[in-house]
Amino acid sequence: MGRSTPVYDKIVETPEAWTAQSLGSVEKLVRQLTPAELDAIDTLLAATRHKAPQKVTREEFDHPLLNKTLAELKQEIFQGKGVVLVRGLTRERYSEEDFERIYWGFGTHWGDAAVQSVNGDRIGHVRKEKVNLHNRGYMDDVELVPHTDAYALVGLLCVQRAEAGGLSHMVSIPAIHNEILRTRPELLAPLYRGFPTAIYEARGTEDAISDGDVPLLSCIDGKISALYSRRYVKEAADQLGIDYPPDFAEALDYFEMLAQRPDLRLEFQLQPGEMMVWNNFAMLHARTAFQDSEAHVRHLLRLWLNVPGSRPVIPEVFTWGLVYDKLNARRMAAAAAAE
């Protein structure tokens, strides 16, 4: 652990280095499903109805027209702007189980789904829960500040929006890198050096804290990648009983300030049926606080996908994914033993 790459000292000009200002609106990320594509989805729903949604295989979710569409979307996620907003699914046409089946089927074309809970579920439910044993942000209604997740591809499908709030934020990591290079280039080195990270849920295990520094930023073949959560960095500092080095503390604050700057960050509301899918190591995402009502309880479905070979990255970007894999495997084994 602790491997880093040289600081990339050039402006990134690839499509994934977009800003809110350069895009103009979230509409530039939208891919509208056509009537023919929706008909293809209906055909696959009927053909797989006899199986639980997460038991459907890639071979079973196969249609010539849709195969081409999903390949194009994957290309846009990993070689284009890094994020797509898929529209066309509606609650009038599809049930909640249909949403899960469609979402899972799409995911089989893009990668291998990671386990997200002790129950072995590979689609997570993002909503406020009455019981939140591990203080997970996605199970609460509080603001989630900009961060990356643990796997190469992350997606959210909106089943229901909140009564108020719950706006999504998306910001390009290469765009942040460009702005630091233009304005405070001396702050890149501490971000490339990094700092230990720790996942709260892993306390008391051999994986409680990373084995050395984990670079916040890295670059291979001109591709800027990040693994970032202010919470996980603070958790490591607290467990180790140390302060951030002054240059890292300054760089961390500047990075997060840029991640929330309106000219860099897109803000939008996911509507029921809309699916947002992105390159996790190239994009930061966040969410505003929200309030549910009896009629509108915010509920999104989440995918975490491993996608080997999708992006040239250092092994350290998989640090959290490996810890979550081990945590969930242990929990599942303990639950099975208790039965």
Protein backbone atom coordinates (compact mmCIF):
# COMPACT_ATOMS: atom_id res chain seq x y z
CA MET A 1 0.00 0.00 0.00
CA GLY A 2 1.09 3.57 -0.44
CA ARG A 3 2.01 3.37 -4.12
CA SER A 4 1.45 6.61 -5.98
CA THR A 5 1.92 7.97 -9.47
CA PRO A 6 3.79 11.09 -10.57
CA VAL A 7 1.73 14.26 -10.49
CA TYR A 8 0.12 14.82 -13.88
CA ASP A 9 1.02 18.37 -14.88
CA LYS A 10 -1.13 18.80 -17.99
CA ILE A 11 -4.69 19.98 -18.45
CA VAL A 12 -7.03 17.06 -19.16
CA GLU A 13 -9.08 17.75 -22.28
CA THR A 14 -10.95 14.47 -22.68
CA PRO A 15 -14.80 14.47 -22.56
CA GLU A 16 -14.87 13.34 -18.91
CA ALA A 17 -13.22 16.63 -17.86
CA TRP A 18 -16.54 18.48 -18.20
CA THR A 19 -17.84 21.15 -15.88
CA ALA A 20 -21.38 22.27 -15.14
CA GLN A 21 -20.53 25.46 -16.99
CA SER A 22 -19.20 23.68 -20.08
CA LEU A 23 -22.17 21.29 -20.25
CA GLY A 24 -24.79 23.92 -19.61
CA SER A 25 -27.30 21.44 -18.17
CA VAL A 26 -27.79 17.83 -17.18
CA GLU A 27 -29.60 17.30 -20.49
CA LYS A 28 -26.19 16.85 -22.14
CA LEU A 29 -25.82 13.59 -20.16
CA VAL A 30 -29.26 12.19 -21.02
CA ARG A 31 -29.86 9.09 -23.11
CA GLN A 32 -33.57 8.69 -23.88
CA LEU A 33 -34.71 5.13 -24.46
CA THR A 34 -36.62 4.75 -27.73
CA PRO A 35 -40.00 3.04 -28.15
CA ALA A 36 -38.22 0.13 -29.87
CA GLU A 37 -35.78 -0.20 -26.95
CA LEU A 38 -38.66 -0.19 -24.46
CA ASP A 39 -40.36 -2.92 -26.48
CA ALA A 40 -37.14 -4.94 -26.33
CA ILE A 41 -37.10 -4.48 -22.55
CA ASP A 42 -40.69 -5.72 -22.37
CA THR A 43 -39.70 -8.84 -24.32
CA LEU A 44 -36.88 -9.58 -21.87
CA LEU A 45 -39.11 -8.95 -18.85
CA ALA A 46 -41.60 -11.52 -20.13
CA ALA A 47 -38.84 -14.03 -20.91
CA THR A 48 -37.27 -13.82 -17.42
CA ARG A 49 -40.40 -13.42 -15.30
CA HIS A 50 -40.05 -16.97 -13.96
CA LYS A 51 -36.80 -16.06 -12.16
CA ALA A 52 -36.04 -13.68 -9.30
CA PRO A 53 -34.60 -10.44 -10.72
CA GLN A 54 -31.08 -10.95 -9.35
CA LYS A 55 -30.98 -14.53 -10.64
CA VAL A 56 -31.21 -13.41 -14.28
CA THR A 57 -27.97 -13.96 -16.21
CA ARG A 58 -26.34 -11.97 -18.97
CA GLU A 59 -27.19 -14.75 -21.43
CA GLU A 60 -30.87 -14.50 -20.51
CA PHE A 61 -30.98 -10.69 -20.73
CA ASP A 62 -30.04 -10.69 -24.40
CA HIS A 63 -31.64 -8.79 -27.24
CA PRO A 64 -29.82 -7.54 -30.39
CA LEU A 65 -31.18 -4.00 -30.22
CA LEU A 66 -30.69 -3.61 -26.47
CA ASN A 67 -27.24 -5.22 -26.57
CA LYS A 68 -26.07 -2.44 -28.88
CA THR A 69 -27.63 0.25 -26.68
CA LEU A 70 -26.03 -1.06 -23.50
CA ALA A 71 -22.62 -1.36 -25.19
CA GLU A 72 -22.90 2.28 -26.27
CA LEU A 73 -23.80 3.35 -22.75
CA LYS A 74 -20.82 1.47 -21.32
CA GLN A 75 -18.59 3.18 -23.88
CA GLU A 76 -19.89 6.59 -22.78
CA ILE A 77 -19.34 5.74 -19.12
CA PHE A 78 -15.74 4.62 -19.53
CA GLN A 79 -14.53 6.43 -22.64
CA GLY A 80 -16.87 9.42 -22.90
CA LYS A 81 -18.22 11.88 -20.34
CA GLY A 82 -18.08 9.30 -17.54
CA VAL A 83 -21.76 9.47 -16.62
CA VAL A 84 -25.10 8.89 -18.32
CA LEU A 85 -28.66 9.64 -17.25
CA VAL A 86 -31.00 7.09 -18.81
CA ARG A 87 -34.62 8.14 -19.27
CA GLY A 88 -37.68 6.36 -20.59
CA LEU A 89 -38.70 3.97 -17.81
CA THR A 90 -41.91 5.06 -16.09
CA ARG A 91 -43.92 3.93 -13.08
CA GLU A 92 -46.98 3.86 -15.31
CA ARG A 93 -45.43 1.19 -17.51
CA TYR A 94 -43.30 -0.73 -15.00
CA SER A 95 -43.67 -2.03 -11.45
CA GLU A 96 -41.01 -1.73 -8.76
CA GLU A 97 -40.00 -5.34 -9.41
CA ASP A 98 -39.74 -4.52 -13.12
CA PHE A 99 -37.39 -1.64 -12.26
CA GLU A 100 -35.16 -4.04 -10.33
CA ARG A 101 -35.24 -6.65 -13.11
CA ILE A 102 -34.41 -4.07 -15.81
CA TYR A 103 -31.68 -2.47 -13.73
CA TRP A 104 -30.12 -5.82 -12.91
CA GLY A 105 -30.32 -6.88 -16.54
CA PHE A 106 -28.59 -3.71 -17.69
CA GLY A 107 -25.89 -4.29 -15.07
CA THR A 108 -25.13 -7.79 -16.38
CA HIS A 109 -23.95 -6.11 -19.59
CA TRP A 110 -21.64 -3.71 -17.77
CA GLY A 111 -19.89 -5.72 -15.04
CA ASP A 112 -20.12 -8.08 -12.08
CA ALA A 113 -22.35 -6.95 -9.20
CA ALA A 114 -20.81 -6.73 -5.74
CA VAL A 115 -22.62 -7.88 -2.61
CA GLN A 116 -24.07 -4.95 -0.66
CA SER A 117 -25.51 -6.53 2.46
CA VAL A 118 -25.38 -9.46 4.87
CA ASN A 119 -28.32 -10.93 2.96
CA GLY A 120 -26.20 -11.25 -0.17
CA ASP A 121 -28.22 -8.64 -2.07
CA ARG A 122 -26.43 -7.21 -5.06
CA ILE A 123 -28.85 -4.34 -5.49
CA GLY A 124 -28.89 -1.94 -2.56
CA HIS A 125 -31.85 0.08 -1.35
CA VAL A 126 -31.01 3.74 -0.76
CA ARG A 127 -33.61 5.14 1.63
CA LYS A 128 -34.03 6.33 5.19
CA GLU A 129 -34.17 3.33 7.52
CA LYS A 130 -35.42 3.25 11.10
CA VAL A 131 -32.52 0.98 12.06
CA ASN A 132 -29.06 2.07 10.84
CA LEU A 133 -26.63 0.01 12.90
CA HIS A 134 -23.48 1.09 11.07
CA ASN A 135 -24.43 4.75 10.59
CA ARG A 136 -24.41 4.46 6.81
CA GLY A 137 -25.18 7.73 5.05
CA TYR A 138 -27.30 6.13 2.33
CA MET A 139 -29.68 4.83 5.02
CA ASP A 140 -30.32 8.30 6.42
CA ASP A 141 -31.88 11.55 5.18
CA VAL A 142 -28.86 13.76 5.85
CA GLU A 143 -26.68 15.52 3.28
CA LEU A 144 -23.99 13.36 1.69
CA VAL A 145 -20.93 15.42 0.72
CA PRO A 146 -18.94 14.67 -2.46
CA HIS A 147 -17.28 11.26 -2.43
CA THR A 148 -16.51 8.18 -4.48
CA ASP A 149 -17.85 4.71 -3.73
CA ALA A 150 -15.87 1.47 -3.70
CA TYR A 151 -16.32 -0.11 -7.15
CA ALA A 152 -15.58 0.78 -10.77
CA LEU A 153 -19.15 1.47 -11.86
CA VAL A 154 -21.89 2.86 -9.65
CA GLY A 155 -25.52 3.39 -10.55
CA LEU A 156 -28.72 4.67 -9.00
CA LEU A 157 -32.25 4.09 -10.29
CA CYS A 158 -34.96 6.27 -8.78
CA VAL A 159 -38.05 4.38 -7.65
CA GLN A 160 -39.54 7.33 -5.77
CA ARG A 161 -38.32 10.84 -4.97
CA ALA A 162 -38.66 12.54 -1.60
CA GLU A 163 -41.29 15.10 -0.75
CA ALA A 164 -38.52 17.72 -0.67
CA GLY A 165 -34.75 17.76 -1.22
CA GLY A 166 -32.60 14.80 -2.21
CA LEU A 167 -31.00 16.64 -5.14
CA SER A 168 -28.15 14.74 -6.79
CA HIS A 169 -24.75 16.31 -7.40
CA MET A 170 -22.16 15.08 -9.88
CA VAL A 171 -18.71 16.55 -10.50
CA SER A 172 -15.83 15.46 -12.72
CA ILE A 173 -12.62 14.52 -10.92
CA PRO A 174 -10.45 15.43 -13.96
CA ALA A 175 -12.16 18.85 -13.98
CA ILE A 176 -11.24 19.36 -10.32
CA HIS A 177 -7.69 18.29 -11.13
CA ASN A 178 -7.57 20.84 -13.94
CA GLU A 179 -8.74 23.63 -11.63
CA ILE A 180 -6.14 22.76 -8.98
CA LEU A 181 -3.43 22.69 -11.65
CA ARG A 182 -4.50 26.14 -12.88
CA THR A 183 -4.88 27.79 -9.48
CA ARG A 184 -2.98 25.89 -6.75
CA PRO A 185 -0.65 23.38 -8.46
CA GLU A 186 1.41 22.93 -5.28
CA LEU A 187 -1.58 21.20 -3.67
CA LEU A 188 -1.56 18.30 -6.13
CA ALA A 189 1.50 16.59 -4.60
CA PRO A 190 -0.10 15.96 -1.17
CA LEU A 191 -3.24 14.63 -2.87
CA TYR A 192 -1.15 12.22 -4.95
CA ARG A 193 0.71 11.20 -1.77
CA GLY A 194 -2.53 10.61 0.10
CA PHE A 195 -3.28 9.55 3.66
CA PRO A 196 -4.50 6.37 5.36
CA THR A 197 -8.21 5.56 5.10
CA ALA A 198 -10.47 3.52 7.36
CA ILE A 199 -14.00 2.16 7.07
CA TYR A 200 -15.87 2.52 10.35
CA GLU A 201 -17.60 -0.84 9.95
CA ALA A 202 -14.23 -2.61 9.81
CA ARG A 203 -13.19 -1.48 13.29
CA GLY A 204 -11.86 -4.39 15.29
CA THR A 205 -10.82 -6.37 12.20
CA GLU A 206 -7.50 -6.77 10.42
CA ASP A 207 -8.83 -4.40 7.77
CA ALA A 208 -9.62 -1.56 10.17
CA ILE A 209 -7.09 0.85 8.61
CA SER A 210 -5.34 0.82 5.26
CA ASP A 211 -1.78 -0.41 5.20
CA GLY A 212 -0.17 2.98 4.64
CA ASP A 213 -1.22 6.02 2.64
CA VAL A 214 -3.89 5.70 -0.05
CA PRO A 215 -3.49 8.32 -2.82
CA LEU A 216 -6.52 10.53 -3.17
CA LEU A 217 -5.53 11.30 -6.77
CA SER A 218 -3.55 9.21 -9.23
CA CYS A 219 -2.91 9.18 -12.96
CA ILE A 220 -2.11 6.42 -15.45
CA ASP A 221 -1.98 7.06 -19.20
CA GLY A 222 -3.40 10.54 -18.74
CA LYS A 223 -6.46 9.23 -16.89
CA ILE A 224 -7.02 11.00 -13.55
CA SER A 225 -8.66 8.78 -10.93
CA ALA A 226 -9.65 9.26 -7.31
CA LEU A 227 -10.69 7.35 -4.21
CA TYR A 228 -12.15 9.91 -1.87
CA SER A 229 -14.29 10.15 1.24
CA ARG A 230 -13.58 12.82 3.83
CA ARG A 231 -15.27 10.58 6.36
CA TYR A 232 -12.94 7.64 5.72
CA VAL A 233 -9.86 9.85 5.92
CA LYS A 234 -11.03 11.35 9.22
CA GLU A 235 -11.82 7.88 10.56
CA ALA A 236 -8.21 6.82 9.89
CA ALA A 237 -6.81 9.93 11.58
CA ASP A 238 -9.04 9.33 14.60
CA GLN A 239 -8.09 5.67 14.91
CA LEU A 240 -4.38 6.45 14.51
CA GLY A 241 -4.58 9.45 16.84
CA ILE A 242 -2.75 11.71 14.40
CA ASP A 243 -3.38 14.98 12.59
CA TYR A 244 -3.25 15.50 8.85
CA PRO A 245 0.05 16.87 7.56
CA PRO A 246 -0.51 20.63 7.04
CA ASP A 247 -0.11 20.46 3.27
CA PHE A 248 -2.57 17.57 3.02
CA ALA A 249 -5.11 19.34 5.24
CA GLU A 250 -4.96 22.42 3.00
CA ALA A 251 -5.19 20.34 -0.16
CA LEU A 252 -8.13 18.35 1.23
CA ASP A 253 -10.08 21.52 2.04
CA TYR A 254 -9.38 22.99 -1.38
CA PHE A 255 -10.36 19.77 -3.17
CA GLU A 256 -13.67 19.62 -1.34
CA MET A 257 -14.38 23.31 -1.90
CA LEU A 258 -13.92 22.83 -5.65
CA ALA A 259 -16.11 19.71 -5.59
CA GLN A 260 -18.99 21.86 -4.35
CA ARG A 261 -18.43 24.90 -6.56
CA PRO A 262 -21.54 25.59 -8.68
CA ASP A 263 -19.64 26.16 -11.93
CA LEU A 264 -18.05 22.69 -11.62
CA ARG A 265 -20.87 20.71 -10.01
CA LEU A 266 -24.08 19.61 -11.69
CA GLU A 267 -27.22 19.63 -9.53
CA PHE A 268 -30.42 17.88 -10.56
CA GLN A 269 -33.34 15.85 -9.27
CA LEU A 270 -33.65 12.20 -10.25
CA GLN A 271 -37.24 11.41 -11.19
CA PRO A 272 -38.92 7.99 -10.82
CA GLY A 273 -37.62 5.64 -13.51
CA GLU A 274 -34.48 7.67 -14.24
CA MET A 275 -31.22 5.77 -14.04
CA MET A 276 -27.87 7.49 -13.39
CA VAL A 277 -24.76 5.40 -14.03
CA TRP A 278 -21.17 6.61 -13.77
CA ASN A 279 -17.46 5.82 -13.76
CA ASN A 280 -16.85 5.85 -10.02
CA PHE A 281 -13.13 6.59 -10.14
CA ALA A 282 -13.65 9.57 -12.47
CA MET A 283 -16.69 11.19 -10.83
CA LEU A 284 -17.65 12.41 -7.37
CA HIS A 285 -21.28 12.24 -6.35
CA ALA A 286 -23.23 13.81 -3.51
CA ARG A 287 -26.78 14.40 -2.33
CA THR A 288 -28.62 17.12 -0.44
CA ALA A 289 -30.63 16.34 2.67
CA PHE A 290 -34.24 15.36 2.09
CA GLN A 291 -37.61 15.09 3.79
CA ASP A 292 -40.03 12.23 3.18
CA SER A 293 -43.80 12.38 3.47
CA GLU A 294 -46.46 9.70 3.61
CA ALA A 295 -46.98 10.06 -0.14
CA HIS A 296 -43.34 10.46 -1.17
CA VAL A 297 -40.72 8.23 0.50
CA ARG A 298 -37.37 8.57 -1.26
CA HIS A 299 -36.19 5.20 -2.59
CA LEU A 300 -33.40 4.45 -5.05
CA LEU A 301 -31.86 1.17 -6.20
CA ARG A 302 -28.05 1.05 -6.20
CA LEU A 303 -25.63 -1.06 -8.23
CA TRP A 304 -21.96 -1.55 -7.43
CA LEU A 305 -20.17 -3.24 -10.32
CA ASN A 306 -16.66 -4.59 -10.76
CA VAL A 307 -15.58 -3.92 -14.34
CA PRO A 308 -12.10 -5.40 -14.96
CA GLY A 309 -10.04 -3.51 -17.52
CA SER A 310 -12.43 -0.57 -17.67
CA ARG A 311 -9.85 2.05 -16.65
CA PRO A 312 -6.07 2.09 -16.08
CA VAL A 313 -5.79 2.56 -12.30
CA ILE A 314 -3.45 1.85 -9.41
CA PRO A 315 -4.49 -1.09 -7.18
CA GLU A 316 -5.12 1.29 -4.27
CA VAL A 317 -8.40 2.51 -5.77
CA PHE A 318 -9.85 -0.92 -4.93
CA THR A 319 -8.96 -0.58 -1.22
CA TRP A 320 -12.52 -0.09 0.03
CA GLY A 321 -14.08 -2.60 -2.32
CA LEU A 322 -11.80 -5.34 -1.01
CA VAL A 323 -12.68 -4.44 2.58
CA TYR A 324 -16.43 -4.44 1.86
CA ASP A 325 -16.13 -7.78 0.09
CA LYS A 326 -14.49 -9.31 3.15
CA LEU A 327 -16.89 -7.65 5.59
CA ASN A 328 -19.97 -8.88 3.78
CA ALA A 329 -18.52 -12.36 3.34
CA ARG A 330 -17.88 -12.60 7.11
CA ARG A 331 -21.35 -11.28 7.93
CA MET A 332 -23.00 -13.72 5.56
CA ALA A 333 -21.02 -16.62 7.03
CA ALA A 334 -21.94 -15.58 10.58
CA ALA A 335 -25.61 -15.24 9.67
CA ALA A 336 -25.61 -18.67 8.05
CA ALA A 337 -23.93 -20.23 11.09
CA ALA A 338 -26.56 -18.69 13.38
CA GLU A 339 -29.47 -20.24 11.48
